[in-house]
Amino acid sequence: KLRGYYRYYGMTDNTMALGNFYDKVRRMLFKWFNRRSQRKSM
């Protein structure tokens, strides 16, 4: 999904927006890990 996003929006001058998207998705994945069980797993 990320590679597909970068291939469409990865255009000159758009580096900051792409970096912000990467950071948001990375944090979403962190929350995903800790929602899989009642105890904070990671």
PDB file of all heavy atoms in Angstrom:
ATOM      1  N   LYS A   1       0.826  -1.212   0.000  1.00  0.00           N
ATOM      2  CA  LYS A   1       0.000   0.000   0.000  1.00  0.00           C
ATOM      3  C   LYS A   1       0.863   1.266   0.000  1.00  0.00           C
ATOM      4  O   LYS A   1       0.575   2.227  -0.715  1.00  0.00           O
ATOM      5  CB  LYS A   1      -0.939  -0.006   1.216  1.00  0.00           C
ATOM      6  CG  LYS A   1      -2.064  -1.031   1.121  1.00  0.00           C
ATOM      7  CD  LYS A   1      -2.873  -1.065   2.406  1.00  0.00           C
ATOM      8  CE  LYS A   1      -3.926  -2.166   2.368  1.00  0.00           C
ATOM      9  NZ  LYS A   1      -4.949  -1.924   1.342  1.00  0.00           N
ATOM     10  N   LEU A   2       1.916   1.268   0.799  1.00  0.00           N
ATOM     11  CA  LEU A   2       2.793   2.432   0.869  1.00  0.00           C
ATOM     12  C   LEU A   2       3.527   2.654  -0.457  1.00  0.00           C
ATOM     13  O   LEU A   2       3.632   3.785  -0.931  1.00  0.00           O
ATOM     14  CB  LEU A   2       3.803   2.276   2.006  1.00  0.00           C
ATOM     15  CG  LEU A   2       3.273   2.599   3.409  1.00  0.00           C
ATOM     16  CD1 LEU A   2       4.281   2.186   4.469  1.00  0.00           C
ATOM     17  CD2 LEU A   2       2.952   4.075   3.542  1.00  0.00           C
ATOM     18  N   ARG A   3       4.008   1.580  -1.053  1.00  0.00           N
ATOM     19  CA  ARG A   3       4.699   1.728  -2.341  1.00  0.00           C
ATOM     20  C   ARG A   3       3.751   2.284  -3.404  1.00  0.00           C
ATOM     21  O   ARG A   3       4.137   3.120  -4.218  1.00  0.00           O
ATOM     22  CB  ARG A   3       5.278   0.388  -2.797  1.00  0.00           C
ATOM     23  CG  ARG A   3       6.493  -0.052  -1.995  1.00  0.00           C
ATOM     24  CD  ARG A   3       7.218  -1.216  -2.652  1.00  0.00           C
ATOM     25  NE  ARG A   3       8.185  -1.793  -1.738  1.00  0.00           N
ATOM     26  CZ  ARG A   3       8.004  -2.893  -1.031  1.00  0.00           C
ATOM     27  NH1 ARG A   3       6.870  -3.565  -1.141  1.00  0.00           N
ATOM     28  NH2 ARG A   3       8.940  -3.335  -0.224  1.00  0.00           N
ATOM     29  N   GLY A   4       2.509   1.804  -3.400  1.00  0.00           N
ATOM     30  CA  GLY A   4       1.522   2.308  -4.349  1.00  0.00           C
ATOM     31  C   GLY A   4       1.240   3.786  -4.125  1.00  0.00           C
ATOM     32  O   GLY A   4       1.132   4.567  -5.080  1.00  0.00           O
ATOM     33  N   TYR A   5       1.153   4.176  -2.850  1.00  0.00           N
ATOM     34  CA  TYR A   5       0.917   5.592  -2.508  1.00  0.00           C
ATOM     35  C   TYR A   5       2.076   6.456  -2.988  1.00  0.00           C
ATOM     36  O   TYR A   5       1.877   7.514  -3.591  1.00  0.00           O
ATOM     37  CB  TYR A   5       0.738   5.700  -0.997  1.00  0.00           C
ATOM     38  CG  TYR A   5       0.352   7.081  -0.528  1.00  0.00           C
ATOM     39  CD1 TYR A   5      -0.988   7.470  -0.479  1.00  0.00           C
ATOM     40  CD2 TYR A   5       1.316   8.006  -0.124  1.00  0.00           C
ATOM     41  CE1 TYR A   5      -1.360   8.735  -0.036  1.00  0.00           C
ATOM     42  CE2 TYR A   5       0.959   9.269   0.316  1.00  0.00           C
ATOM     43  CZ  TYR A   5      -0.379   9.629   0.353  1.00  0.00           C
ATOM     44  OH  TYR A   5      -0.733  10.889   0.774  1.00  0.00           O
ATOM     45  N   TYR A   6       3.302   6.001  -2.730  1.00  0.00           N
ATOM     46  CA  TYR A   6       4.481   6.765  -3.144  1.00  0.00           C
ATOM     47  C   TYR A   6       4.577   6.864  -4.666  1.00  0.00           C
ATOM     48  O   TYR A   6       5.014   7.881  -5.195  1.00  0.00           O
ATOM     49  CB  TYR A   6       5.762   6.108  -2.619  1.00  0.00           C
ATOM     50  CG  TYR A   6       5.866   6.013  -1.123  1.00  0.00           C
ATOM     51  CD1 TYR A   6       6.621   5.006  -0.523  1.00  0.00           C
ATOM     52  CD2 TYR A   6       5.219   6.922  -0.281  1.00  0.00           C
ATOM     53  CE1 TYR A   6       6.732   4.903   0.861  1.00  0.00           C
ATOM     54  CE2 TYR A   6       5.323   6.826   1.099  1.00  0.00           C
ATOM     55  CZ  TYR A   6       6.076   5.810   1.659  1.00  0.00           C
ATOM     56  OH  TYR A   6       6.180   5.702   3.023  1.00  0.00           O
ATOM     57  N   ARG A   7       4.205   5.806  -5.345  1.00  0.00           N
ATOM     58  CA  ARG A   7       4.321   5.829  -6.807  1.00  0.00           C
ATOM     59  C   ARG A   7       3.356   6.829  -7.440  1.00  0.00           C
ATOM     60  O   ARG A   7       3.627   7.362  -8.508  1.00  0.00           O
ATOM     61  CB  ARG A   7       4.089   4.432  -7.393  1.00  0.00           C
ATOM     62  CG  ARG A   7       5.272   3.513  -7.181  1.00  0.00           C
ATOM     63  CD  ARG A   7       5.116   2.191  -7.905  1.00  0.00           C
ATOM     64  NE  ARG A   7       6.271   1.349  -7.681  1.00  0.00           N
ATOM     65  CZ  ARG A   7       7.395   1.406  -8.384  1.00  0.00           C
ATOM     66  NH1 ARG A   7       7.510   2.285  -9.367  1.00  0.00           N
ATOM     67  NH2 ARG A   7       8.393   0.597  -8.128  1.00  0.00           N
ATOM     68  N   TYR A   8       2.239   7.072  -6.778  1.00  0.00           N
ATOM     69  CA  TYR A   8       1.308   8.078  -7.312  1.00  0.00           C
ATOM     70  C   TYR A   8       1.680   9.483  -6.841  1.00  0.00           C
ATOM     71  O   TYR A   8       1.759  10.414  -7.645  1.00  0.00           O
ATOM     72  CB  TYR A   8      -0.138   7.775  -6.908  1.00  0.00           C
ATOM     73  CG  TYR A   8      -1.111   8.715  -7.591  1.00  0.00           C
ATOM     74  CD1 TYR A   8      -1.556   8.452  -8.882  1.00  0.00           C
ATOM     75  CD2 TYR A   8      -1.542   9.885  -6.973  1.00  0.00           C
ATOM     76  CE1 TYR A   8      -2.421   9.331  -9.534  1.00  0.00           C
ATOM     77  CE2 TYR A   8      -2.396  10.773  -7.613  1.00  0.00           C
ATOM     78  CZ  TYR A   8      -2.830  10.491  -8.884  1.00  0.00           C
ATOM     79  OH  TYR A   8      -3.666  11.372  -9.525  1.00  0.00           O
ATOM     80  N   TYR A   9       1.899   9.634  -5.536  1.00  0.00           N
ATOM     81  CA  TYR A   9       2.127  10.971  -4.979  1.00  0.00           C
ATOM     82  C   TYR A   9       3.602  11.355  -4.880  1.00  0.00           C
ATOM     83  O   TYR A   9       3.921  12.477  -4.489  1.00  0.00           O
ATOM     84  CB  TYR A   9       1.480  11.080  -3.596  1.00  0.00           C
ATOM     85  CG  TYR A   9      -0.022  11.073  -3.657  1.00  0.00           C
ATOM     86  CD1 TYR A   9      -0.753   9.946  -3.288  1.00  0.00           C
ATOM     87  CD2 TYR A   9      -0.721  12.194  -4.112  1.00  0.00           C
ATOM     88  CE1 TYR A   9      -2.139   9.934  -3.357  1.00  0.00           C
ATOM     89  CE2 TYR A   9      -2.105  12.193  -4.179  1.00  0.00           C
ATOM     90  CZ  TYR A   9      -2.804  11.062  -3.802  1.00  0.00           C
ATOM     91  OH  TYR A   9      -4.173  11.054  -3.879  1.00  0.00           O
ATOM     92  N   GLY A  10       4.494  10.424  -5.246  1.00  0.00           N
ATOM     93  CA  GLY A  10       5.929  10.698  -5.164  1.00  0.00           C
ATOM     94  C   GLY A  10       6.416  11.572  -6.289  1.00  0.00           C
ATOM     95  O   GLY A  10       7.080  11.106  -7.218  1.00  0.00           O
ATOM     96  N   MET A  11       6.100  12.852  -6.201  1.00  0.00           N
ATOM     97  CA  MET A  11       6.477  13.815  -7.233  1.00  0.00           C
ATOM     98  C   MET A  11       7.347  14.918  -6.637  1.00  0.00           C
ATOM     99  O   MET A  11       7.263  15.207  -5.447  1.00  0.00           O
ATOM    100  CB  MET A  11       5.201  14.426  -7.852  1.00  0.00           C
ATOM    101  CG  MET A  11       5.462  15.425  -8.949  1.00  0.00           C
ATOM    102  SD  MET A  11       3.924  16.069  -9.665  1.00  0.00           S
ATOM    103  CE  MET A  11       3.442  14.692 -10.706  1.00  0.00           C
ATOM    104  N   THR A  12       8.164  15.518  -7.456  1.00  0.00           N
ATOM    105  CA  THR A  12       9.012  16.631  -7.043  1.00  0.00           C
ATOM    106  C   THR A  12       8.236  17.613  -6.159  1.00  0.00           C
ATOM    107  O   THR A  12       7.101  17.952  -6.477  1.00  0.00           O
ATOM    108  CB  THR A  12       9.549  17.372  -8.290  1.00  0.00           C
ATOM    109  OG1 THR A  12      10.237  16.447  -9.119  1.00  0.00           O
ATOM    110  CG2 THR A  12      10.494  18.497  -7.902  1.00  0.00           C
ATOM    111  N   ASP A  13       8.856  18.045  -5.072  1.00  0.00           N
ATOM    112  CA  ASP A  13       8.321  19.026  -4.115  1.00  0.00           C
ATOM    113  C   ASP A  13       7.336  18.433  -3.103  1.00  0.00           C
ATOM    114  O   ASP A  13       6.844  19.149  -2.236  1.00  0.00           O
ATOM    115  CB  ASP A  13       7.621  20.212  -4.817  1.00  0.00           C
ATOM    116  CG  ASP A  13       8.526  20.921  -5.800  1.00  0.00           C
ATOM    117  OD1 ASP A  13       9.699  21.159  -5.441  1.00  0.00           O
ATOM    118  OD2 ASP A  13       8.074  21.244  -6.908  1.00  0.00           O
ATOM    119  N   ASN A  14       7.055  17.139  -3.185  1.00  0.00           N
ATOM    120  CA  ASN A  14       6.047  16.549  -2.297  1.00  0.00           C
ATOM    121  C   ASN A  14       6.671  15.682  -1.201  1.00  0.00           C
ATOM    122  O   ASN A  14       5.977  14.893  -0.561  1.00  0.00           O
ATOM    123  CB  ASN A  14       5.045  15.720  -3.117  1.00  0.00           C
ATOM    124  CG  ASN A  14       3.744  15.504  -2.381  1.00  0.00           C
ATOM    125  OD1 ASN A  14       3.347  16.306  -1.541  1.00  0.00           O
ATOM    126  ND2 ASN A  14       3.076  14.409  -2.680  1.00  0.00           N
ATOM    127  N   THR A  15       7.954  15.837  -0.983  1.00  0.00           N
ATOM    128  CA  THR A  15       8.660  14.998  -0.010  1.00  0.00           C
ATOM    129  C   THR A  15       8.078  15.101   1.394  1.00  0.00           C
ATOM    130  O   THR A  15       7.908  14.095   2.091  1.00  0.00           O
ATOM    131  CB  THR A  15      10.161  15.366   0.021  1.00  0.00           C
ATOM    132  OG1 THR A  15      10.689  15.244  -1.298  1.00  0.00           O
ATOM    133  CG2 THR A  15      10.933  14.446   0.946  1.00  0.00           C
ATOM    134  N   MET A  16       7.774  16.313   1.842  1.00  0.00           N
ATOM    135  CA  MET A  16       7.288  16.507   3.208  1.00  0.00           C
ATOM    136  C   MET A  16       5.966  15.795   3.445  1.00  0.00           C
ATOM    137  O   MET A  16       5.784  15.119   4.470  1.00  0.00           O
ATOM    138  CB  MET A  16       7.129  18.003   3.514  1.00  0.00           C
ATOM    139  CG  MET A  16       6.759  18.281   4.960  1.00  0.00           C
ATOM    140  SD  MET A  16       6.600  20.044   5.339  1.00  0.00           S
ATOM    141  CE  MET A  16       8.309  20.549   5.182  1.00  0.00           C
ATOM    142  N   ALA A  17       5.025  15.931   2.509  1.00  0.00           N
ATOM    143  CA  ALA A  17       3.722  15.271   2.652  1.00  0.00           C
ATOM    144  C   ALA A  17       3.877  13.754   2.659  1.00  0.00           C
ATOM    145  O   ALA A  17       3.198  13.057   3.417  1.00  0.00           O
ATOM    146  CB  ALA A  17       2.781  15.703   1.529  1.00  0.00           C
ATOM    147  N   LEU A  18       4.785  13.230   1.831  1.00  0.00           N
ATOM    148  CA  LEU A  18       5.021  11.781   1.804  1.00  0.00           C
ATOM    149  C   LEU A  18       5.610  11.308   3.135  1.00  0.00           C
ATOM    150  O   LEU A  18       5.224  10.269   3.667  1.00  0.00           O
ATOM    151  CB  LEU A  18       5.984  11.417   0.672  1.00  0.00           C
ATOM    152  CG  LEU A  18       5.487  11.590  -0.766  1.00  0.00           C
ATOM    153  CD1 LEU A  18       6.585  11.164  -1.732  1.00  0.00           C
ATOM    154  CD2 LEU A  18       4.237  10.799  -1.023  1.00  0.00           C
ATOM    155  N   GLY A  19       6.558  12.089   3.668  1.00  0.00           N
ATOM    156  CA  GLY A  19       7.172  11.741   4.951  1.00  0.00           C
ATOM    157  C   GLY A  19       6.165  11.750   6.083  1.00  0.00           C
ATOM    158  O   GLY A  19       6.187  10.874   6.951  1.00  0.00           O
ATOM    159  N   ASN A  20       5.270  12.736   6.064  1.00  0.00           N
ATOM    160  CA  ASN A  20       4.217  12.803   7.088  1.00  0.00           C
ATOM    161  C   ASN A  20       3.290  11.601   6.999  1.00  0.00           C
ATOM    162  O   ASN A  20       2.862  11.048   8.022  1.00  0.00           O
ATOM    163  CB  ASN A  20       3.398  14.085   6.929  1.00  0.00           C
ATOM    164  CG  ASN A  20       4.182  15.319   7.348  1.00  0.00           C
ATOM    165  OD1 ASN A  20       5.175  15.218   8.059  1.00  0.00           O
ATOM    166  ND2 ASN A  20       3.758  16.475   6.880  1.00  0.00           N
ATOM    167  N   PHE A  21       2.982  11.180   5.772  1.00  0.00           N
ATOM    168  CA  PHE A  21       2.110  10.019   5.572  1.00  0.00           C
ATOM    169  C   PHE A  21       2.776   8.758   6.141  1.00  0.00           C
ATOM    170  O   PHE A  21       2.138   7.966   6.842  1.00  0.00           O
ATOM    171  CB  PHE A  21       1.793   9.834   4.091  1.00  0.00           C
ATOM    172  CG  PHE A  21       0.742   8.809   3.819  1.00  0.00           C
ATOM    173  CD1 PHE A  21      -0.605   9.135   3.918  1.00  0.00           C
ATOM    174  CD2 PHE A  21       1.084   7.511   3.473  1.00  0.00           C
ATOM    175  CE1 PHE A  21      -1.591   8.189   3.684  1.00  0.00           C
ATOM    176  CE2 PHE A  21       0.107   6.559   3.237  1.00  0.00           C
ATOM    177  CZ  PHE A  21      -1.226   6.905   3.340  1.00  0.00           C
ATOM    178  N   TYR A  22       4.049   8.600   5.851  1.00  0.00           N
ATOM    179  CA  TYR A  22       4.807   7.452   6.370  1.00  0.00           C
ATOM    180  C   TYR A  22       4.770   7.433   7.900  1.00  0.00           C
ATOM    181  O   TYR A  22       4.523   6.394   8.522  1.00  0.00           O
ATOM    182  CB  TYR A  22       6.248   7.514   5.867  1.00  0.00           C
ATOM    183  CG  TYR A  22       7.195   6.606   6.606  1.00  0.00           C
ATOM    184  CD1 TYR A  22       7.290   5.249   6.276  1.00  0.00           C
ATOM    185  CD2 TYR A  22       7.995   7.092   7.645  1.00  0.00           C
ATOM    186  CE1 TYR A  22       8.158   4.400   6.966  1.00  0.00           C
ATOM    187  CE2 TYR A  22       8.862   6.253   8.339  1.00  0.00           C
ATOM    188  CZ  TYR A  22       8.933   4.917   7.988  1.00  0.00           C
ATOM    189  OH  TYR A  22       9.776   4.077   8.676  1.00  0.00           O
ATOM    190  N   ASP A  23       5.016   8.591   8.534  1.00  0.00           N
ATOM    191  CA  ASP A  23       5.018   8.672  10.002  1.00  0.00           C
ATOM    192  C   ASP A  23       3.655   8.312  10.589  1.00  0.00           C
ATOM    193  O   ASP A  23       3.570   7.609  11.603  1.00  0.00           O
ATOM    194  CB  ASP A  23       5.413  10.081  10.454  1.00  0.00           C
ATOM    195  CG  ASP A  23       6.894  10.357  10.248  1.00  0.00           C
ATOM    196  OD1 ASP A  23       7.673   9.398  10.188  1.00  0.00           O
ATOM    197  OD2 ASP A  23       7.261  11.547  10.140  1.00  0.00           O
ATOM    198  N   LYS A  24       2.582   8.793   9.956  1.00  0.00           N
ATOM    199  CA  LYS A  24       1.223   8.504  10.451  1.00  0.00           C
ATOM    200  C   LYS A  24       0.918   7.010  10.363  1.00  0.00           C
ATOM    201  O   LYS A  24       0.355   6.422  11.286  1.00  0.00           O
ATOM    202  CB  LYS A  24       0.193   9.288   9.647  1.00  0.00           C
ATOM    203  CG  LYS A  24       0.267  10.795   9.808  1.00  0.00           C
ATOM    204  CD  LYS A  24      -0.375  11.244  11.094  1.00  0.00           C
ATOM    205  CE  LYS A  24      -0.463  12.763  11.149  1.00  0.00           C
ATOM    206  NZ  LYS A  24      -1.000  13.251  12.431  1.00  0.00           N
ATOM    207  N   VAL A  25       1.292   6.397   9.234  1.00  0.00           N
ATOM    208  CA  VAL A  25       1.026   4.963   9.053  1.00  0.00           C
ATOM    209  C   VAL A  25       1.849   4.148  10.048  1.00  0.00           C
ATOM    210  O   VAL A  25       1.364   3.166  10.623  1.00  0.00           O
ATOM    211  CB  VAL A  25       1.339   4.525   7.599  1.00  0.00           C
ATOM    212  CG1 VAL A  25       1.279   3.006   7.463  1.00  0.00           C
ATOM    213  CG2 VAL A  25       0.371   5.186   6.629  1.00  0.00           C
ATOM    214  N   ARG A  26       3.077   4.571  10.281  1.00  0.00           N
ATOM    215  CA  ARG A  26       3.936   3.873  11.245  1.00  0.00           C
ATOM    216  C   ARG A  26       3.322   3.908  12.645  1.00  0.00           C
ATOM    217  O   ARG A  26       3.341   2.909  13.366  1.00  0.00           O
ATOM    218  CB  ARG A  26       5.328   4.524  11.249  1.00  0.00           C
ATOM    219  CG  ARG A  26       6.358   3.749  12.030  1.00  0.00           C
ATOM    220  CD  ARG A  26       7.725   4.349  11.889  1.00  0.00           C
ATOM    221  NE  ARG A  26       7.802   5.673  12.494  1.00  0.00           N
ATOM    222  CZ  ARG A  26       8.926   6.215  12.966  1.00  0.00           C
ATOM    223  NH1 ARG A  26      10.065   5.541  12.876  1.00  0.00           N
ATOM    224  NH2 ARG A  26       8.926   7.426  13.484  1.00  0.00           N
ATOM    225  N   ARG A  27       2.752   5.041  13.025  1.00  0.00           N
ATOM    226  CA  ARG A  27       2.108   5.151  14.343  1.00  0.00           C
ATOM    227  C   ARG A  27       0.811   4.342  14.398  1.00  0.00           C
ATOM    228  O   ARG A  27       0.467   3.790  15.442  1.00  0.00           O
ATOM    229  CB  ARG A  27       1.848   6.625  14.678  1.00  0.00           C
ATOM    230  CG  ARG A  27       3.135   7.385  14.949  1.00  0.00           C
ATOM    231  CD  ARG A  27       2.912   8.788  15.455  1.00  0.00           C
ATOM    232  NE  ARG A  27       4.178   9.425  15.736  1.00  0.00           N
ATOM    233  CZ  ARG A  27       4.880   9.281  16.856  1.00  0.00           C
ATOM    234  NH1 ARG A  27       4.410   8.494  17.816  1.00  0.00           N
ATOM    235  NH2 ARG A  27       6.023   9.903  17.045  1.00  0.00           N
ATOM    236  N   MET A  28       0.106   4.296  13.275  1.00  0.00           N
ATOM    237  CA  MET A  28      -1.111   3.469  13.214  1.00  0.00           C
ATOM    238  C   MET A  28      -0.776   1.996  13.452  1.00  0.00           C
ATOM    239  O   MET A  28      -1.497   1.291  14.157  1.00  0.00           O
ATOM    240  CB  MET A  28      -1.781   3.605  11.843  1.00  0.00           C
ATOM    241  CG  MET A  28      -2.565   4.865  11.643  1.00  0.00           C
ATOM    242  SD  MET A  28      -3.322   4.819   9.990  1.00  0.00           S
ATOM    243  CE  MET A  28      -3.787   6.532   9.817  1.00  0.00           C
ATOM    244  N   LEU A  29       0.326   1.553  12.859  1.00  0.00           N
ATOM    245  CA  LEU A  29       0.734   0.154  13.016  1.00  0.00           C
ATOM    246  C   LEU A  29       1.115  -0.129  14.468  1.00  0.00           C
ATOM    247  O   LEU A  29       0.814  -1.205  14.995  1.00  0.00           O
ATOM    248  CB  LEU A  29       1.907  -0.161  12.085  1.00  0.00           C
ATOM    249  CG  LEU A  29       2.408  -1.607  12.110  1.00  0.00           C
ATOM    250  CD1 LEU A  29       1.305  -2.584  11.679  1.00  0.00           C
ATOM    251  CD2 LEU A  29       3.638  -1.757  11.207  1.00  0.00           C
ATOM    252  N   PHE A  30       1.763   0.821  15.118  1.00  0.00           N
ATOM    253  CA  PHE A  30       2.112   0.669  16.537  1.00  0.00           C
ATOM    254  C   PHE A  30       0.852   0.479  17.385  1.00  0.00           C
ATOM    255  O   PHE A  30       0.788  -0.394  18.249  1.00  0.00           O
ATOM    256  CB  PHE A  30       2.892   1.903  17.002  1.00  0.00           C
ATOM    257  CG  PHE A  30       3.248   1.882  18.458  1.00  0.00           C
ATOM    258  CD1 PHE A  30       4.126   0.938  18.973  1.00  0.00           C
ATOM    259  CD2 PHE A  30       2.695   2.818  19.328  1.00  0.00           C
ATOM    260  CE1 PHE A  30       4.453   0.922  20.324  1.00  0.00           C
ATOM    261  CE2 PHE A  30       3.015   2.807  20.678  1.00  0.00           C
ATOM    262  CZ  PHE A  30       3.891   1.860  21.178  1.00  0.00           C
ATOM    263  N   LYS A  31      -0.172   1.289  17.122  1.00  0.00           N
ATOM    264  CA  LYS A  31      -1.443   1.155  17.840  1.00  0.00           C
ATOM    265  C   LYS A  31      -2.102  -0.185  17.524  1.00  0.00           C
ATOM    266  O   LYS A  31      -2.728  -0.805  18.390  1.00  0.00           O
ATOM    267  CB  LYS A  31      -2.378   2.305  17.464  1.00  0.00           C
ATOM    268  CG  LYS A  31      -1.955   3.641  18.034  1.00  0.00           C
ATOM    269  CD  LYS A  31      -2.920   4.746  17.629  1.00  0.00           C
ATOM    270  CE  LYS A  31      -2.480   6.096  18.204  1.00  0.00           C
ATOM    271  NZ  LYS A  31      -3.407   7.176  17.792  1.00  0.00           N
ATOM    272  N   TRP A  32      -1.963  -0.637  16.276  1.00  0.00           N
ATOM    273  CA  TRP A  32      -2.538  -1.927  15.857  1.00  0.00           C
ATOM    274  C   TRP A  32      -1.966  -3.060  16.705  1.00  0.00           C
ATOM    275  O   TRP A  32      -2.695  -3.927  17.170  1.00  0.00           O
ATOM    276  CB  TRP A  32      -2.237  -2.138  14.376  1.00  0.00           C
ATOM    277  CG  TRP A  32      -2.708  -3.450  13.825  1.00  0.00           C
ATOM    278  CD1 TRP A  32      -3.952  -3.752  13.356  1.00  0.00           C
ATOM    279  CD2 TRP A  32      -1.928  -4.644  13.662  1.00  0.00           C
ATOM    280  NE1 TRP A  32      -3.996  -5.056  12.904  1.00  0.00           N
ATOM    281  CE2 TRP A  32      -2.768  -5.628  13.089  1.00  0.00           C
ATOM    282  CE3 TRP A  32      -0.605  -4.977  13.938  1.00  0.00           C
ATOM    283  CZ2 TRP A  32      -2.337  -6.906  12.788  1.00  0.00           C
ATOM    284  CZ3 TRP A  32      -0.165  -6.267  13.646  1.00  0.00           C
ATOM    285  CH2 TRP A  32      -1.025  -7.210  13.086  1.00  0.00           C
ATOM    286  N   PHE A  33      -0.635  -3.040  16.908  1.00  0.00           N
ATOM    287  CA  PHE A  33       0.009  -4.062  17.725  1.00  0.00           C
ATOM    288  C   PHE A  33      -0.574  -4.092  19.138  1.00  0.00           C
ATOM    289  O   PHE A  33      -0.787  -5.158  19.711  1.00  0.00           O
ATOM    290  CB  PHE A  33       1.517  -3.818  17.816  1.00  0.00           C
ATOM    291  CG  PHE A  33       2.303  -4.451  16.699  1.00  0.00           C
ATOM    292  CD1 PHE A  33       2.966  -3.669  15.768  1.00  0.00           C
ATOM    293  CD2 PHE A  33       2.378  -5.831  16.585  1.00  0.00           C
ATOM    294  CE1 PHE A  33       3.689  -4.253  14.739  1.00  0.00           C
ATOM    295  CE2 PHE A  33       3.091  -6.422  15.560  1.00  0.00           C
ATOM    296  CZ  PHE A  33       3.752  -5.631  14.628  1.00  0.00           C
ATOM    297  N   ASN A  34      -0.807  -2.919  19.700  1.00  0.00           N
ATOM    298  CA  ASN A  34      -1.257  -2.841  21.093  1.00  0.00           C
ATOM    299  C   ASN A  34      -2.764  -2.977  21.267  1.00  0.00           C
ATOM    300  O   ASN A  34      -3.258  -2.981  22.395  1.00  0.00           O
ATOM    301  CB  ASN A  34      -0.756  -1.531  21.718  1.00  0.00           C
ATOM    302  CG  ASN A  34       0.737  -1.577  21.951  1.00  0.00           C
ATOM    303  OD1 ASN A  34       1.238  -2.449  22.647  1.00  0.00           O
ATOM    304  ND2 ASN A  34       1.460  -0.658  21.324  1.00  0.00           N
ATOM    305  N   ARG A  35      -3.498  -3.089  20.169  1.00  0.00           N
ATOM    306  CA  ARG A  35      -4.943  -3.342  20.248  1.00  0.00           C
ATOM    307  C   ARG A  35      -5.260  -4.825  20.075  1.00  0.00           C
ATOM    308  O   ARG A  35      -6.402  -5.230  20.236  1.00  0.00           O
ATOM    309  CB  ARG A  35      -5.675  -2.543  19.169  1.00  0.00           C
ATOM    310  CG  ARG A  35      -5.819  -1.067  19.510  1.00  0.00           C
ATOM    311  CD  ARG A  35      -6.636  -0.360  18.466  1.00  0.00           C
ATOM    312  NE  ARG A  35      -6.768   1.057  18.773  1.00  0.00           N
ATOM    313  CZ  ARG A  35      -6.690   2.030  17.879  1.00  0.00           C
ATOM    314  NH1 ARG A  35      -6.473   1.752  16.617  1.00  0.00           N
ATOM    315  NH2 ARG A  35      -6.822   3.292  18.233  1.00  0.00           N
ATOM    316  N   ARG A  36      -4.263  -5.592  19.739  1.00  0.00           N
ATOM    317  CA  ARG A  36      -4.496  -7.013  19.475  1.00  0.00           C
ATOM    318  C   ARG A  36      -4.766  -7.798  20.754  1.00  0.00           C
ATOM    319  O   ARG A  36      -5.317  -8.887  20.699  1.00  0.00           O
ATOM    320  CB  ARG A  36      -3.292  -7.612  18.737  1.00  0.00           C
ATOM    321  CG  ARG A  36      -3.238  -7.201  17.275  1.00  0.00           C
ATOM    322  CD  ARG A  36      -1.873  -7.457  16.672  1.00  0.00           C
ATOM    323  NE  ARG A  36      -1.570  -8.869  16.556  1.00  0.00           N
ATOM    324  CZ  ARG A  36      -1.847  -9.620  15.489  1.00  0.00           C
ATOM    325  NH1 ARG A  36      -2.488  -9.087  14.460  1.00  0.00           N
ATOM    326  NH2 ARG A  36      -1.511 -10.880  15.445  1.00  0.00           N
ATOM    327  N   SER A  37      -4.373  -7.253  21.887  1.00  0.00           N
ATOM    328  CA  SER A  37      -4.648  -7.933  23.154  1.00  0.00           C
ATOM    329  C   SER A  37      -4.968  -6.880  24.207  1.00  0.00           C
ATOM    330  O   SER A  37      -4.699  -5.698  24.026  1.00  0.00           O
ATOM    331  CB  SER A  37      -3.431  -8.760  23.589  1.00  0.00           C
ATOM    332  OG  SER A  37      -2.328  -7.907  23.820  1.00  0.00           O
ATOM    333  N   GLN A  38      -5.529  -7.309  25.310  1.00  0.00           N
ATOM    334  CA  GLN A  38      -5.895  -6.379  26.380  1.00  0.00           C
ATOM    335  C   GLN A  38      -4.665  -5.790  27.058  1.00  0.00           C
ATOM    336  O   GLN A  38      -4.659  -4.653  27.489  1.00  0.00           O
ATOM    337  CB  GLN A  38      -6.775  -7.080  27.417  1.00  0.00           C
ATOM    338  CG  GLN A  38      -8.150  -7.432  26.879  1.00  0.00           C
ATOM    339  CD  GLN A  38      -9.016  -8.083  27.924  1.00  0.00           C
ATOM    340  OE1 GLN A  38      -8.541  -8.509  28.965  1.00  0.00           O
ATOM    341  NE2 GLN A  38     -10.311  -8.162  27.652  1.00  0.00           N
ATOM    342  N   ARG A  39      -3.611  -6.570  27.120  1.00  0.00           N
ATOM    343  CA  ARG A  39      -2.362  -6.073  27.703  1.00  0.00           C
ATOM    344  C   ARG A  39      -1.554  -5.361  26.630  1.00  0.00           C
ATOM    345  O   ARG A  39      -1.557  -5.753  25.476  1.00  0.00           O
ATOM    346  CB  ARG A  39      -1.539  -7.240  28.257  1.00  0.00           C
ATOM    347  CG  ARG A  39      -2.197  -7.942  29.427  1.00  0.00           C
ATOM    348  CD  ARG A  39      -1.346  -9.106  29.871  1.00  0.00           C
ATOM    349  NE  ARG A  39      -0.029  -8.662  30.320  1.00  0.00           N
ATOM    350  CZ  ARG A  39       0.976  -9.489  30.582  1.00  0.00           C
ATOM    351  NH1 ARG A  39       0.814 -10.794  30.447  1.00  0.00           N
ATOM    352  NH2 ARG A  39       2.139  -9.018  30.979  1.00  0.00           N
ATOM    353  N   LYS A  40      -0.878  -4.301  27.029  1.00  0.00           N
ATOM    354  CA  LYS A  40      -0.024  -3.592  26.076  1.00  0.00           C
ATOM    355  C   LYS A  40       1.134  -4.512  25.704  1.00  0.00           C
ATOM    356  O   LYS A  40       1.974  -4.844  26.532  1.00  0.00           O
ATOM    357  CB  LYS A  40       0.496  -2.290  26.695  1.00  0.00           C
ATOM    358  CG  LYS A  40       1.129  -1.366  25.679  1.00  0.00           C
ATOM    359  CD  LYS A  40       1.431   0.003  26.287  1.00  0.00           C
ATOM    360  CE  LYS A  40       2.018   0.921  25.228  1.00  0.00           C
ATOM    361  NZ  LYS A  40       2.326   2.258  25.757  1.00  0.00           N
ATOM    362  N   SER A  41       1.168  -4.928  24.457  1.00  0.00           N
ATOM    363  CA  SER A  41       2.099  -5.971  24.053  1.00  0.00           C
ATOM    364  C   SER A  41       3.422  -5.447  23.529  1.00  0.00           C
ATOM    365  O   SER A  41       4.380  -6.193  23.415  1.00  0.00           O
ATOM    366  CB  SER A  41       1.449  -6.844  22.975  1.00  0.00           C
ATOM    367  OG  SER A  41       1.079  -6.038  21.869  1.00  0.00           O
ATOM    368  N   MET A  42       3.507  -4.158  23.178  1.00  0.00           N
ATOM    369  CA  MET A  42       4.741  -3.657  22.588  1.00  0.00           C
ATOM    370  C   MET A  42       4.972  -2.196  22.949  1.00  0.00           C
ATOM    371  O   MET A  42       4.098  -1.366  22.745  1.00  0.00           O
ATOM    372  CB  MET A  42       4.678  -3.828  21.065  1.00  0.00           C
ATOM    373  CG  MET A  42       5.975  -3.463  20.354  1.00  0.00           C
ATOM    374  SD  MET A  42       5.904  -3.774  18.576  1.00  0.00           S
ATOM    375  CE  MET A  42       5.995  -5.558  18.494  1.00  0.00           C
TER     376      MET A  42
END
